Amino acid sequence: MRFFQFSGILACTTAAFISVAPIQVEAATFKVISGVTSIDHDHEDILRSIGLILTGSNNTVAPIPSNYLVGFNIEPASNFTFSDEGGFTPLSGTIENTGTVTFNNQITVGDFSIGFAPGRTVKDASGFVLRDTYSLNTILFDLSLPEPVVFDNQNLTIPDVKLLVSPEFANILQKPELTGSFAGTARIDAEVAAVPEPDSVLAVLAVGAALLATRFYTRKVKYT
């Protein structure tokens, strides 16, 4: 292959790379991979006021911060993704937690799943919910996110999450008037990883192809 022919191929490859990977700053996508969801002591006090006494826990972890009541480990199986556009824009998926708590030595709930549920009508709620997947398999609390999130490209912190009694949970308690009532505070501290964009993958492949072609041509020139 003549040098000018190779130069033409390399130029085309470079042009293709530039076309799929323009030099500009775009919103990135991130996925939650681990962390802790913590519940504050006010949650226990409020539930006690309606007759739910915390009598045990299993497979829980130390909360963040340490003066909170209990922590639930965020599972790597979580598939919650968000964009850094505007600081924090949820996209899809759920944050899966392990660990259970027992009330009145009778009812055990846990292995909570946190995600967006469209069509929620609870006042001041964000659309995000906390669902029990251990026994009741229902939404226990609608979530209000009043404080800005803290995100540094590696860690995501959602502080002062307000737990609001869901209509489903209020019906289970046979106290529908509790729907939307403040039931305590939670906090999410998660480690995240960047999700490669399809264009980025194509760009990497294009660069790789160009480098391989250059290496092949250099070797061919050397041995001919």
C-alpha atoms as a PDB file:
ATOM      1  CA  MET A   1       0.000   0.000   0.000  1.00  0.00           C
ATOM      2  CA  ARG A   2       1.389   3.395  -0.975  1.00  0.00           C
ATOM      3  CA  PHE A   3       1.939   5.950   1.748  1.00  0.00           C
ATOM      4  CA  PHE A   4      -0.552   8.380   0.221  1.00  0.00           C
ATOM      5  CA  GLN A   5      -3.178   5.600   0.189  1.00  0.00           C
ATOM      6  CA  PHE A   6      -2.587   4.875   3.855  1.00  0.00           C
ATOM      7  CA  SER A   7      -2.706   8.583   4.622  1.00  0.00           C
ATOM      8  CA  GLY A   8      -6.096   8.746   2.967  1.00  0.00           C
ATOM      9  CA  ILE A   9      -7.404   5.867   5.072  1.00  0.00           C
ATOM     10  CA  LEU A  10      -6.046   7.399   8.255  1.00  0.00           C
ATOM     11  CA  ALA A  11      -7.567  10.748   7.357  1.00  0.00           C
ATOM     12  CA  CYS A  12     -10.957   9.122   6.808  1.00  0.00           C
ATOM     13  CA  THR A  13     -10.669   7.252  10.104  1.00  0.00           C
ATOM     14  CA  THR A  14      -9.747  10.445  11.923  1.00  0.00           C
ATOM     15  CA  ALA A  15     -12.644  12.277  10.301  1.00  0.00           C
ATOM     16  CA  ALA A  16     -15.001   9.490  11.368  1.00  0.00           C
ATOM     17  CA  PHE A  17     -13.665   9.707  14.899  1.00  0.00           C
ATOM     18  CA  ILE A  18     -14.186  13.451  15.005  1.00  0.00           C
ATOM     19  CA  SER A  19     -17.719  13.042  13.646  1.00  0.00           C
ATOM     20  CA  VAL A  20     -18.749  10.607  16.410  1.00  0.00           C
ATOM     21  CA  ALA A  21     -16.791  12.322  19.175  1.00  0.00           C
ATOM     22  CA  PRO A  22     -17.017  16.093  18.778  1.00  0.00           C
ATOM     23  CA  ILE A  23     -15.005  18.099  21.250  1.00  0.00           C
ATOM     24  CA  GLN A  24     -17.705  19.439  23.498  1.00  0.00           C
ATOM     25  CA  VAL A  25     -18.938  19.006  27.029  1.00  0.00           C
ATOM     26  CA  GLU A  26     -22.071  16.887  27.228  1.00  0.00           C
ATOM     27  CA  ALA A  27     -24.124  15.514  30.090  1.00  0.00           C
ATOM     28  CA  ALA A  28     -22.783  12.222  31.410  1.00  0.00           C
ATOM     29  CA  THR A  29     -24.726   9.233  32.721  1.00  0.00           C
ATOM     30  CA  PHE A  30     -23.933   7.513  36.017  1.00  0.00           C
ATOM     31  CA  LYS A  31     -25.087   4.323  37.731  1.00  0.00           C
ATOM     32  CA  VAL A  32     -25.398   3.645  41.467  1.00  0.00           C
ATOM     33  CA  ILE A  33     -23.169   0.692  42.398  1.00  0.00           C
ATOM     34  CA  SER A  34     -23.015   0.640  46.224  1.00  0.00           C
ATOM     35  CA  GLY A  35     -23.583   2.669  49.367  1.00  0.00           C
ATOM     36  CA  VAL A  36     -25.937   2.985  52.320  1.00  0.00           C
ATOM     37  CA  THR A  37     -29.507   4.157  52.799  1.00  0.00           C
ATOM     38  CA  SER A  38     -29.928   5.430  56.364  1.00  0.00           C
ATOM     39  CA  ILE A  39     -32.988   6.138  58.488  1.00  0.00           C
ATOM     40  CA  ASP A  40     -32.947   8.778  61.236  1.00  0.00           C
ATOM     41  CA  HIS A  41     -34.212   8.290  64.800  1.00  0.00           C
ATOM     42  CA  ASP A  42     -37.237  10.527  64.149  1.00  0.00           C
ATOM     43  CA  HIS A  43     -38.679   7.720  61.995  1.00  0.00           C
ATOM     44  CA  GLU A  44     -38.739   5.356  64.979  1.00  0.00           C
ATOM     45  CA  ASP A  45     -40.332   7.992  67.217  1.00  0.00           C
ATOM     46  CA  ILE A  46     -43.084   8.819  64.726  1.00  0.00           C
ATOM     47  CA  LEU A  47     -43.952   5.166  64.049  1.00  0.00           C
ATOM     48  CA  ARG A  48     -44.053   4.534  67.781  1.00  0.00           C
ATOM     49  CA  SER A  49     -46.695   7.241  68.054  1.00  0.00           C
ATOM     50  CA  ILE A  50     -48.999   5.179  65.825  1.00  0.00           C
ATOM     51  CA  GLY A  51     -48.308   1.914  67.600  1.00  0.00           C
ATOM     52  CA  LEU A  52     -45.416   0.510  65.557  1.00  0.00           C
ATOM     53  CA  ILE A  53     -42.589  -0.361  67.949  1.00  0.00           C
ATOM     54  CA  LEU A  54     -39.232  -1.348  66.469  1.00  0.00           C
ATOM     55  CA  THR A  55     -38.352  -4.689  68.043  1.00  0.00           C
ATOM     56  CA  GLY A  56     -35.543  -6.001  65.866  1.00  0.00           C
ATOM     57  CA  SER A  57     -33.417  -5.758  62.760  1.00  0.00           C
ATOM     58  CA  ASN A  58     -31.479  -8.161  60.582  1.00  0.00           C
ATOM     59  CA  ASN A  59     -28.644  -7.783  58.074  1.00  0.00           C
ATOM     60  CA  THR A  60     -28.491  -4.009  58.548  1.00  0.00           C
ATOM     61  CA  VAL A  61     -25.327  -1.865  58.515  1.00  0.00           C
ATOM     62  CA  ALA A  62     -23.960   1.189  60.286  1.00  0.00           C
ATOM     63  CA  PRO A  63     -25.906   4.282  59.201  1.00  0.00           C
ATOM     64  CA  ILE A  64     -24.452   7.432  57.638  1.00  0.00           C
ATOM     65  CA  PRO A  65     -24.122   9.635  59.620  1.00  0.00           C
ATOM     66  CA  SER A  66     -23.441   7.525  62.703  1.00  0.00           C
ATOM     67  CA  ASN A  67     -26.095   9.285  64.807  1.00  0.00           C
ATOM     68  CA  TYR A  68     -28.866   7.940  62.553  1.00  0.00           C
ATOM     69  CA  LEU A  69     -30.880   4.900  63.622  1.00  0.00           C
ATOM     70  CA  VAL A  70     -30.108   2.172  61.087  1.00  0.00           C
ATOM     71  CA  GLY A  71     -28.513   1.649  57.679  1.00  0.00           C
ATOM     72  CA  PHE A  72     -29.384  -0.591  54.745  1.00  0.00           C
ATOM     73  CA  ASN A  73     -26.686  -1.689  52.345  1.00  0.00           C
ATOM     74  CA  ILE A  74     -27.148  -0.626  48.701  1.00  0.00           C
ATOM     75  CA  GLU A  75     -26.758  -3.673  46.490  1.00  0.00           C
ATOM     76  CA  PRO A  76     -24.515  -3.759  43.401  1.00  0.00           C
ATOM     77  CA  ALA A  77     -27.565  -5.218  41.624  1.00  0.00           C
ATOM     78  CA  SER A  78     -29.077  -1.715  41.696  1.00  0.00           C
ATOM     79  CA  ASN A  79     -29.669  -0.322  38.213  1.00  0.00           C
ATOM     80  CA  PHE A  80     -30.544   3.267  39.067  1.00  0.00           C
ATOM     81  CA  THR A  81     -29.068   5.705  36.562  1.00  0.00           C
ATOM     82  CA  PHE A  82     -29.034   9.484  36.418  1.00  0.00           C
ATOM     83  CA  SER A  83     -27.535  12.302  34.384  1.00  0.00           C
ATOM     84  CA  ASP A  84     -25.408  15.140  35.726  1.00  0.00           C
ATOM     85  CA  GLU A  85     -27.396  17.549  33.566  1.00  0.00           C
ATOM     86  CA  GLY A  86     -28.638  20.299  35.835  1.00  0.00           C
ATOM     87  CA  GLY A  87     -26.669  18.729  38.669  1.00  0.00           C
ATOM     88  CA  PHE A  88     -28.903  15.654  39.033  1.00  0.00           C
ATOM     89  CA  THR A  89     -31.516  14.307  36.630  1.00  0.00           C
ATOM     90  CA  PRO A  90     -32.891  10.802  37.389  1.00  0.00           C
ATOM     91  CA  LEU A  91     -33.213   8.569  34.330  1.00  0.00           C
ATOM     92  CA  SER A  92     -34.346   5.040  35.201  1.00  0.00           C
ATOM     93  CA  GLY A  93     -33.958   2.005  37.439  1.00  0.00           C
ATOM     94  CA  THR A  94     -34.068   1.387  41.174  1.00  0.00           C
ATOM     95  CA  ILE A  95     -31.776   1.484  44.204  1.00  0.00           C
ATOM     96  CA  GLU A  96     -31.955  -1.947  45.830  1.00  0.00           C
ATOM     97  CA  ASN A  97     -31.249  -2.317  49.544  1.00  0.00           C
ATOM     98  CA  THR A  98     -30.737  -5.317  51.832  1.00  0.00           C
ATOM     99  CA  GLY A  99     -31.706  -5.615  55.481  1.00  0.00           C
ATOM    100  CA  THR A 100     -34.953  -5.891  57.404  1.00  0.00           C
ATOM    101  CA  VAL A 101     -36.616  -4.388  60.474  1.00  0.00           C
ATOM    102  CA  THR A 102     -39.350  -5.904  62.628  1.00  0.00           C
ATOM    103  CA  PHE A 103     -42.156  -4.069  64.402  1.00  0.00           C
ATOM    104  CA  ASN A 104     -44.153  -5.326  67.397  1.00  0.00           C
ATOM    105  CA  ASN A 105     -42.443  -8.732  67.035  1.00  0.00           C
ATOM    106  CA  GLN A 106     -44.991  -9.410  64.300  1.00  0.00           C
ATOM    107  CA  ILE A 107     -44.354  -7.677  60.998  1.00  0.00           C
ATOM    108  CA  THR A 108     -40.997  -7.635  59.218  1.00  0.00           C
ATOM    109  CA  VAL A 109     -40.312  -5.357  56.262  1.00  0.00           C
ATOM    110  CA  GLY A 110     -37.181  -4.559  54.313  1.00  0.00           C
ATOM    111  CA  ASP A 111     -35.022  -5.327  51.298  1.00  0.00           C
ATOM    112  CA  PHE A 112     -36.281  -1.932  50.223  1.00  0.00           C
ATOM    113  CA  SER A 113     -36.407  -0.815  46.605  1.00  0.00           C
ATOM    114  CA  ILE A 114     -36.234   2.910  45.871  1.00  0.00           C
ATOM    115  CA  GLY A 115     -37.355   4.148  42.481  1.00  0.00           C
ATOM    116  CA  PHE A 116     -39.667   6.399  40.529  1.00  0.00           C
ATOM    117  CA  ALA A 117     -43.357   5.490  40.359  1.00  0.00           C
ATOM    118  CA  PRO A 118     -45.390   7.588  37.895  1.00  0.00           C
ATOM    119  CA  GLY A 119     -48.839   8.804  38.766  1.00  0.00           C
ATOM    120  CA  ARG A 120     -48.332   9.290  42.510  1.00  0.00           C
ATOM    121  CA  THR A 121     -50.724  11.813  44.026  1.00  0.00           C
ATOM    122  CA  VAL A 122     -49.317  12.303  47.544  1.00  0.00           C
ATOM    123  CA  LYS A 123     -48.839  16.012  48.230  1.00  0.00           C
ATOM    124  CA  ASP A 124     -45.248  17.313  48.272  1.00  0.00           C
ATOM    125  CA  ALA A 125     -43.896  13.938  47.102  1.00  0.00           C
ATOM    126  CA  SER A 126     -41.247  13.733  44.373  1.00  0.00           C
ATOM    127  CA  GLY A 127     -42.596  10.661  42.587  1.00  0.00           C
ATOM    128  CA  PHE A 128     -39.935   8.493  44.170  1.00  0.00           C
ATOM    129  CA  VAL A 129     -41.095   5.773  46.525  1.00  0.00           C
ATOM    130  CA  LEU A 130     -39.707   3.266  49.010  1.00  0.00           C
ATOM    131  CA  ARG A 131     -41.138  -0.205  48.445  1.00  0.00           C
ATOM    132  CA  ASP A 132     -40.936  -3.179  50.802  1.00  0.00           C
ATOM    133  CA  THR A 133     -39.990  -6.311  48.861  1.00  0.00           C
ATOM    134  CA  TYR A 134     -39.567  -8.635  51.846  1.00  0.00           C
ATOM    135  CA  SER A 135     -43.127  -9.351  52.991  1.00  0.00           C
ATOM    136  CA  LEU A 136     -45.794  -6.821  52.011  1.00  0.00           C
ATOM    137  CA  ASN A 137     -44.444  -6.148  48.508  1.00  0.00           C
ATOM    138  CA  THR A 138     -45.981  -2.708  48.483  1.00  0.00           C
ATOM    139  CA  ILE A 139     -45.015   0.947  48.647  1.00  0.00           C
ATOM    140  CA  LEU A 140     -44.585   2.015  52.247  1.00  0.00           C
ATOM    141  CA  PHE A 141     -43.508   5.617  51.779  1.00  0.00           C
ATOM    142  CA  ASP A 142     -43.603   8.312  49.154  1.00  0.00           C
ATOM    143  CA  LEU A 143     -40.399  10.338  49.192  1.00  0.00           C
ATOM    144  CA  SER A 144     -39.928  14.080  49.240  1.00  0.00           C
ATOM    145  CA  LEU A 145     -36.486  15.381  48.209  1.00  0.00           C
ATOM    146  CA  PRO A 146     -36.433  18.947  49.580  1.00  0.00           C
ATOM    147  CA  GLU A 147     -32.645  19.438  49.712  1.00  0.00           C
ATOM    148  CA  PRO A 148     -30.270  19.685  46.724  1.00  0.00           C
ATOM    149  CA  VAL A 149     -28.245  16.543  46.105  1.00  0.00           C
ATOM    150  CA  VAL A 150     -24.464  16.535  46.481  1.00  0.00           C
ATOM    151  CA  PHE A 151     -22.577  14.942  43.595  1.00  0.00           C
ATOM    152  CA  ASP A 152     -18.830  14.919  42.820  1.00  0.00           C
ATOM    153  CA  ASN A 153     -18.722  12.407  39.905  1.00  0.00           C
ATOM    154  CA  GLN A 154     -17.926   9.549  42.306  1.00  0.00           C
ATOM    155  CA  ASN A 155     -20.361   9.908  45.189  1.00  0.00           C
ATOM    156  CA  LEU A 156     -24.021  10.859  45.307  1.00  0.00           C
ATOM    157  CA  THR A 157     -25.569  12.114  48.545  1.00  0.00           C
ATOM    158  CA  ILE A 158     -29.302  12.800  48.848  1.00  0.00           C
ATOM    159  CA  PRO A 159     -29.828  14.276  52.331  1.00  0.00           C
ATOM    160  CA  ASP A 160     -32.980  14.963  54.326  1.00  0.00           C
ATOM    161  CA  VAL A 161     -35.267  12.701  52.338  1.00  0.00           C
ATOM    162  CA  LYS A 162     -38.718  12.996  53.896  1.00  0.00           C
ATOM    163  CA  LEU A 163     -40.701   9.771  54.284  1.00  0.00           C
ATOM    164  CA  LEU A 164     -44.422  10.311  53.703  1.00  0.00           C
ATOM    165  CA  VAL A 165     -46.885   7.541  54.556  1.00  0.00           C
ATOM    166  CA  SER A 166     -48.184   6.049  51.313  1.00  0.00           C
ATOM    167  CA  PRO A 167     -51.877   5.386  50.660  1.00  0.00           C
ATOM    168  CA  GLU A 168     -51.025   1.673  50.448  1.00  0.00           C
ATOM    169  CA  PHE A 169     -49.343   1.611  53.850  1.00  0.00           C
ATOM    170  CA  ALA A 170     -52.082   3.732  55.424  1.00  0.00           C
ATOM    171  CA  ASN A 171     -54.672   1.200  54.245  1.00  0.00           C
ATOM    172  CA  ILE A 172     -52.650  -1.690  55.657  1.00  0.00           C
ATOM    173  CA  LEU A 173     -52.572   0.138  58.993  1.00  0.00           C
ATOM    174  CA  GLN A 174     -56.321   0.744  58.615  1.00  0.00           C
ATOM    175  CA  LYS A 175     -55.660   4.418  59.103  1.00  0.00           C
ATOM    176  CA  PRO A 176     -56.233   6.071  55.693  1.00  0.00           C
ATOM    177  CA  GLU A 177     -56.045   9.488  57.343  1.00  0.00           C
ATOM    178  CA  LEU A 178     -52.298   8.964  57.722  1.00  0.00           C
ATOM    179  CA  THR A 179     -51.747   9.196  53.951  1.00  0.00           C
ATOM    180  CA  GLY A 180     -49.097  11.823  53.227  1.00  0.00           C
ATOM    181  CA  SER A 181     -48.143  12.223  56.880  1.00  0.00           C
ATOM    182  CA  PHE A 182     -44.495  12.871  57.677  1.00  0.00           C
ATOM    183  CA  ALA A 183     -42.998   9.615  58.953  1.00  0.00           C
ATOM    184  CA  GLY A 184     -39.325  10.469  59.403  1.00  0.00           C
ATOM    185  CA  THR A 185     -36.117  11.304  57.584  1.00  0.00           C
ATOM    186  CA  ALA A 186     -33.830   9.203  55.407  1.00  0.00           C
ATOM    187  CA  ARG A 187     -30.554   9.780  53.614  1.00  0.00           C
ATOM    188  CA  ILE A 188     -28.903   8.095  50.624  1.00  0.00           C
ATOM    189  CA  ASP A 189     -25.116   7.919  50.331  1.00  0.00           C
ATOM    190  CA  ALA A 190     -24.168   6.104  47.144  1.00  0.00           C
ATOM    191  CA  GLU A 191     -21.026   5.366  45.173  1.00  0.00           C
ATOM    192  CA  VAL A 192     -21.508   5.690  41.434  1.00  0.00           C
ATOM    193  CA  ALA A 193     -19.752   4.775  38.200  1.00  0.00           C
ATOM    194  CA  ALA A 194     -19.925   6.480  34.828  1.00  0.00           C
ATOM    195  CA  VAL A 195     -21.919   4.686  32.137  1.00  0.00           C
ATOM    196  CA  PRO A 196     -20.158   4.804  28.740  1.00  0.00           C
ATOM    197  CA  GLU A 197     -22.222   6.507  26.088  1.00  0.00           C
ATOM    198  CA  PRO A 198     -22.683   4.647  22.761  1.00  0.00           C
ATOM    199  CA  ASP A 199     -20.894   7.469  20.896  1.00  0.00           C
ATOM    200  CA  SER A 200     -17.949   7.190  23.282  1.00  0.00           C
ATOM    201  CA  VAL A 201     -17.638   3.473  22.566  1.00  0.00           C
ATOM    202  CA  LEU A 202     -17.657   4.132  18.825  1.00  0.00           C
ATOM    203  CA  ALA A 203     -15.040   6.811  19.282  1.00  0.00           C
ATOM    204  CA  VAL A 204     -12.768   4.462  21.194  1.00  0.00           C
ATOM    205  CA  LEU A 205     -13.175   1.824  18.491  1.00  0.00           C
ATOM    206  CA  ALA A 206     -12.347   4.367  15.810  1.00  0.00           C
ATOM    207  CA  VAL A 207      -9.189   5.463  17.591  1.00  0.00           C
ATOM    208  CA  GLY A 208      -8.234   1.834  18.154  1.00  0.00           C
ATOM    209  CA  ALA A 209      -8.678   1.074  14.471  1.00  0.00           C
ATOM    210  CA  ALA A 210      -6.519   4.029  13.499  1.00  0.00           C
ATOM    211  CA  LEU A 211      -3.758   3.008  15.913  1.00  0.00           C
ATOM    212  CA  LEU A 212      -3.815  -0.586  14.685  1.00  0.00           C
ATOM    213  CA  ALA A 213      -3.650   0.569  11.079  1.00  0.00           C
ATOM    214  CA  THR A 214      -0.682   2.812  11.889  1.00  0.00           C
ATOM    215  CA  ARG A 215       1.100  -0.009  13.682  1.00  0.00           C
ATOM    216  CA  PHE A 216       0.458  -2.421  10.800  1.00  0.00           C
ATOM    217  CA  TYR A 217       1.725   0.020   8.206  1.00  0.00           C
ATOM    218  CA  THR A 218       4.856   0.819  10.239  1.00  0.00           C
ATOM    219  CA  ARG A 219       5.677  -2.876  10.486  1.00  0.00           C
ATOM    220  CA  LYS A 220       5.035  -3.387   6.773  1.00  0.00           C
ATOM    221  CA  VAL A 221       7.376  -0.548   5.829  1.00  0.00           C
ATOM    222  CA  LYS A 222      10.007  -1.923   8.180  1.00  0.00           C
ATOM    223  CA  TYR A 223      10.024  -5.385   6.627  1.00  0.00           C
ATOM    224  CA  THR A 224       9.671  -4.437   2.965  1.00  0.00           C
END
